[in-house]
């Protein structure tokens, strides 16, 4: 996908803020095409899936689904049809988010109100990011692991009590019994169409909770998603190898099974 005339999506629940950002972008980045606008996180995810923009501007605070949650879902959209994914640019009125959470450079940000001079600096960073993505054969520069860590920090700042609500125990079926399994004991989760397998070093159990829900409930600094159907405990990763087909396989401490890393998440182990 070329970035000579990049395409963007703007998501903000305030119409005036969308209009202001669109107007400012036209001034500082006239070749940028605004492909669509969303007034909430759900619309942002749906439009991203259908329009395949190069970047998405997401207001951090939106009703129903926050920009943080929308970014998490956008990062999991399939990229196997020629679309390499998109850059995320958060819209925020909170300087502390920009200073602390964005300093690692995983995604960019726009501060409200979108003043021309400050927006021009952001646009320059985004241009470089898109150029780097184009130079790397169209691969998305957004690492799912790095993004997840940033989103976790943002979610915690938006809702300081959220960390206390993270899933600590898994209630699972083991044979004919129900067993409570501490989350930190889980080596990995693998889902099929109906069940999710919970694997520890000593037992295998089944739950009906899909990976999508687990991603929202678990501490994603502890668990990495390496496939649409697989989460692995980062403390249980023994190493990463490649098979004869070039696929990355994760070796797990205390278990013989190797877990396949899908192409969308290959950047997690870049350089290995």
Foldseek 3Di string as FASTA:
>chain_A
DDPPQFEEEEEALDPVQVVQVVVLCCVLPVSHHHPYYHNALVVQLVCCLVVLTQEYEAEQDHPPAGSLRSVLSQLVRDCPPPRQGHAYEYEYQDVVLQVPLCPVPLHHYAHPPRDNVRVNVRVVSVVVLSVVCVVVVNHHPHASLSSLVSSLVSVCVVPVCLVVQADQWDFFDFPNDTDTHGPLQFFKWFDDPAWIWTDGLPGITIDRDAPVVNSVRHNSNQWPDQDNGMIGGPVQFPDWDADPVRWIWTQGPNDGDTHTGDPSNVVVPPPD
